[in-house]
Protein backbone atom coordinates (compact mmCIF):
# COMPACT_ATOMS: atom_id res chain seq x y z
CA MET A 1 49.92 -8.26 -25.49
CA ARG A 2 48.99 -11.03 -23.05
CA ALA A 3 51.18 -11.23 -19.84
CA GLY A 4 50.71 -13.51 -17.10
CA VAL A 5 50.87 -12.46 -13.26
CA LEU A 6 51.58 -14.97 -10.45
CA HIS A 7 50.47 -14.33 -6.94
CA THR A 8 50.50 -16.10 -3.70
CA VAL A 9 48.70 -13.25 -1.85
CA PRO A 10 44.87 -13.12 -3.14
CA ALA A 11 44.81 -9.24 -2.10
CA LEU A 12 47.64 -8.14 -4.51
CA ALA A 13 45.89 -9.25 -7.64
CA ALA A 14 43.84 -6.29 -8.10
CA SER A 15 46.48 -3.83 -6.97
CA PHE A 16 48.89 -5.23 -9.65
CA HIS A 17 46.26 -5.42 -12.11
CA GLU A 18 46.00 -1.75 -11.58
CA LEU A 19 49.58 -0.93 -11.40
CA LEU A 20 50.31 -2.81 -14.60
CA LEU A 21 47.43 -1.30 -16.68
CA ALA A 22 48.47 2.31 -15.56
CA GLU A 23 51.94 1.38 -17.17
CA ARG A 24 50.34 -0.08 -20.22
CA GLU A 25 46.69 0.18 -20.91
CA ASP A 26 46.59 -2.54 -23.64
CA LEU A 27 47.82 -5.36 -21.58
CA ASP A 28 45.85 -8.52 -21.73
CA LEU A 29 46.30 -9.80 -18.15
CA VAL A 30 45.97 -13.42 -17.01
CA HIS A 31 46.39 -13.56 -13.10
CA VAL A 32 47.30 -16.75 -11.32
CA VAL A 33 46.67 -16.98 -7.63
CA ASP A 34 47.83 -19.63 -5.29
CA PRO A 35 48.17 -19.02 -1.68
CA SER A 36 49.43 -22.41 -0.92
CA LEU A 37 52.75 -21.54 -2.50
CA LEU A 38 53.35 -19.13 0.35
CA SER A 39 51.92 -20.96 3.00
CA GLU A 40 53.66 -24.14 2.67
CA THR A 41 57.17 -21.96 1.92
CA VAL A 42 56.54 -20.09 5.39
CA ALA A 43 55.76 -23.51 7.21
CA ALA A 44 58.86 -25.10 6.11
CA GLY A 45 60.99 -21.79 6.14
CA GLU A 46 62.01 -22.53 2.72
CA VAL A 47 60.79 -23.49 -0.87
CA THR A 48 59.87 -27.03 -0.79
CA PRO A 49 60.15 -29.49 -3.97
CA ARG A 50 56.39 -29.19 -4.17
CA VAL A 51 56.37 -25.61 -4.34
CA GLN A 52 58.98 -25.41 -6.92
CA GLU A 53 56.70 -28.03 -8.75
CA GLY A 54 53.92 -25.83 -8.19
CA VAL A 55 55.65 -22.58 -9.26
CA THR A 56 56.97 -24.38 -12.57
CA ARG A 57 53.53 -25.57 -13.35
CA HIS A 58 51.61 -22.39 -12.89
CA VAL A 59 54.61 -20.71 -15.26
CA ALA A 60 54.21 -22.95 -17.75
CA ALA A 61 50.35 -22.76 -17.67
CA LEU A 62 50.56 -19.01 -18.35
CA ALA A 63 52.75 -19.33 -21.27
CA ALA A 64 50.45 -21.99 -22.64
CA ALA A 65 47.80 -19.27 -22.08
CA GLY A 66 49.59 -17.15 -24.37
CA ALA A 67 51.37 -14.97 -21.93
CA GLN A 68 54.59 -13.49 -23.40
CA ALA A 69 56.02 -13.02 -20.22
CA VAL A 70 55.16 -13.77 -16.43
CA LEU A 71 55.73 -11.49 -13.61
CA VAL A 72 56.19 -13.10 -10.00
CA THR A 73 54.82 -10.70 -7.32
CA CYS A 74 55.85 -12.98 -4.24
CA SER A 75 59.25 -12.56 -3.27
CA SER A 76 59.56 -15.67 -1.21
CA ILE A 77 59.08 -17.77 -4.21
CA GLY A 78 61.54 -15.56 -6.42
CA GLU A 79 64.14 -17.99 -6.60
CA ALA A 80 61.98 -20.95 -7.41
CA ALA A 81 60.48 -18.55 -10.15
CA GLU A 82 63.94 -18.35 -11.75
CA ALA A 83 64.35 -21.72 -11.73
CA ALA A 84 60.99 -22.45 -13.36
CA ALA A 85 61.75 -19.78 -16.32
CA ARG A 86 65.05 -21.56 -16.82
CA ALA A 87 63.20 -24.91 -17.07
CA THR A 88 60.41 -23.60 -19.09
CA GLY A 89 62.19 -20.96 -21.48
CA VAL A 90 59.48 -18.38 -20.24
CA ALA A 91 60.53 -14.67 -19.88
CA LEU A 92 60.32 -13.78 -16.35
CA VAL A 93 60.58 -11.03 -14.19
CA ARG A 94 60.88 -10.90 -10.21
CA VAL A 95 58.70 -8.19 -8.58
CA ASP A 96 61.80 -7.19 -6.17
CA GLU A 97 64.40 -7.36 -8.85
CA ALA A 98 63.99 -3.35 -9.84
CA MET A 99 64.06 -2.82 -6.27
CA ALA A 100 67.15 -4.60 -5.33
CA ARG A 101 68.99 -2.82 -8.35
CA GLU A 102 68.03 0.60 -7.29
CA ALA A 103 69.20 0.10 -3.72
CA VAL A 104 72.54 -0.86 -4.83
CA VAL A 105 72.67 2.24 -6.86
CA ARG A 106 71.78 4.38 -4.05
CA ALA A 107 73.89 2.71 -1.52
CA ARG A 108 77.01 3.28 -4.05
CA ALA A 109 76.09 7.01 -4.37
CA ALA A 110 75.80 7.04 -0.34
CA ALA A 111 79.35 5.41 0.30
CA THR A 112 81.92 8.01 1.32
CA GLY A 113 85.71 7.49 1.78
CA GLU A 114 85.96 4.27 3.81
CA ARG A 115 82.20 4.17 5.06
CA PRO A 116 80.24 1.80 2.63
CA GLY A 117 76.69 2.73 1.43
CA ARG A 118 74.42 0.70 3.68
CA ILE A 119 71.32 -1.28 2.69
CA ALA A 120 68.95 -2.88 5.20
CA VAL A 121 66.46 -5.44 4.03
CA LEU A 122 63.16 -5.86 6.15
CA ALA A 123 61.01 -8.64 5.99
CA THR A 124 58.07 -10.03 8.09
CA LEU A 125 58.83 -13.44 7.00
CA SER A 126 62.12 -15.25 7.37
CA ALA A 127 60.97 -17.37 4.06
CA THR A 128 61.06 -14.13 2.33
CA LEU A 129 64.04 -12.39 3.83
CA GLY A 130 66.51 -14.99 2.55
CA PRO A 131 65.50 -14.82 -1.12
CA THR A 132 65.45 -11.08 -1.25
CA GLY A 133 68.59 -10.57 0.78
CA ARG A 134 70.32 -13.01 -1.57
CA LEU A 135 68.94 -11.19 -4.72
CA VAL A 136 70.36 -7.74 -3.16
CA GLU A 137 73.80 -9.47 -2.29
CA ARG A 138 73.92 -10.89 -5.98
CA VAL A 139 73.36 -7.38 -7.46
CA ARG A 140 75.84 -5.93 -5.17
CA GLU A 141 78.34 -8.43 -6.69
CA GLU A 142 80.48 -8.30 -3.47
CA ASP A 143 81.23 -4.48 -4.04
CA PRO A 144 83.15 -3.30 -0.95
CA ARG A 145 81.35 0.10 -1.21
CA VAL A 146 77.86 -1.75 -0.23
CA ARG A 147 77.04 -3.48 2.92
CA VAL A 148 73.91 -5.40 3.51
CA THR A 149 72.20 -6.23 6.57
CA ALA A 150 68.72 -8.22 6.77
CA SER A 151 66.32 -8.91 9.37
CA VAL A 152 62.54 -9.67 10.24
CA VAL A 153 60.18 -7.31 11.69
CA ALA A 154 59.00 -9.18 14.74
CA ASP A 155 55.38 -9.71 15.31
CA ALA A 156 54.57 -8.03 11.89
CA ALA A 157 53.37 -11.20 10.11
CA ALA A 158 51.49 -12.57 13.19
CA ALA A 159 49.48 -9.13 13.13
CA ARG A 160 48.87 -9.35 9.47
CA ALA A 161 47.59 -12.93 10.04
CA ALA A 162 45.47 -12.03 12.77
CA GLY A 163 43.73 -9.31 10.73
CA ASP A 164 45.23 -6.49 12.19
CA GLN A 165 46.56 -4.55 9.43
CA ALA A 166 47.08 -1.42 11.43
CA ARG A 167 49.36 -2.84 13.80
CA HIS A 168 51.26 -4.56 11.17
CA ASP A 169 51.78 -1.22 9.57
CA GLU A 170 52.92 0.42 12.73
CA LEU A 171 55.55 -2.51 13.34
CA ILE A 172 56.88 -1.83 9.73
CA ALA A 173 57.21 1.89 10.50
CA ALA A 174 58.87 1.47 13.65
CA ALA A 175 61.29 -0.91 12.06
CA VAL A 176 62.03 1.78 9.20
CA ALA A 177 62.40 4.51 11.56
CA ALA A 178 64.91 2.57 13.70
CA ALA A 179 66.93 1.25 10.70
CA ASP A 180 70.60 2.51 10.79
CA ALA A 181 70.97 2.66 6.90
CA ASP A 182 71.15 4.81 3.82
CA VAL A 183 68.72 2.49 1.86
CA ILE A 184 65.96 0.38 3.22
CA VAL A 185 64.48 -2.59 1.20
CA LEU A 186 61.04 -3.86 2.11
CA ALA A 187 61.07 -7.35 0.98
CA GLN A 188 57.46 -8.08 0.49
CA ALA A 189 54.99 -6.12 -1.61
CA SER A 190 52.58 -6.42 1.30
CA MET A 191 54.71 -4.23 3.54
CA ALA A 192 54.33 -1.16 1.35
CA ALA A 193 51.36 0.22 3.24
CA GLY A 194 53.51 0.52 6.07
CA ALA A 195 56.47 2.28 4.36
CA GLY A 196 55.49 5.88 5.21
CA ASP A 197 57.28 8.73 3.53
CA ASP A 198 60.77 7.80 4.73
CA PRO A 199 62.82 8.68 1.44
CA ARG A 200 65.28 5.74 2.20
CA VAL A 201 62.51 3.19 1.73
CA LEU A 202 62.29 1.18 -1.39
CA THR A 203 59.32 -0.93 -1.98
CA SER A 204 58.49 -3.40 -4.91
CA PRO A 205 55.05 -3.11 -6.47
CA ARG A 206 55.33 0.01 -8.37
CA SER A 207 59.03 -0.53 -9.61
CA GLY A 208 58.44 -4.20 -10.36
CA ALA A 209 55.29 -3.39 -12.44
CA ALA A 210 57.29 -0.50 -14.34
CA ALA A 211 60.30 -2.99 -14.90
CA PHE A 212 57.96 -5.76 -16.14
CA VAL A 213 56.32 -3.53 -18.76
CA ALA A 214 59.56 -2.15 -19.74
CA ALA A 215 60.67 -5.83 -20.36
CA LEU A 216 57.36 -6.75 -22.29
CA GLY A 217 58.40 -3.78 -24.64
CA ALA A 218 61.77 -4.88 -25.17
CA ALA A 219 60.48 -8.47 -25.96
CA ALA A 220 57.90 -7.08 -28.45
């Protein structure tokens, strides 16, 4: 089965290729990588019309290439991807959707009495924090048993941009350790390396890949 994957971070293409084939070895994967989508979104602080057009164009091109469905691995353009799917009729999965659903399930289970279950959404970019935070809120469905907070890990994006991955990961780890929450959602796939072994942490790559393969099976 042919499947499409849209990335904005070049380094993630190989990682997701391995993750997806580990889930289903007969997949014929077509990857599209367009860093300009993320760079323009970060510069503007939101998805611009040109970014939306680019996302829609890439999703349509993957469908034209025979992809049965498309996985979008960038949380920053997640909402734009959903709009592209509606415009093109393409089956699409956001990489952070399964993570958001799992976070809400865990938070509900952690709620006790009058104390709600607490989800902390962390991102290194404000452009990503909004889309993932809104996704978690949407999944939460205004359930009073779940409280969601969202914050940017200061300086982590700058460290990564400067090529200092170790510093980036240290800042993520420190933010995770300081989070007063039952569940911690790391909004970007690129943050996974700094997650450590804190059992509260959810990252999107593995769960997103698994959800995508499950969706492909349902569509087959």
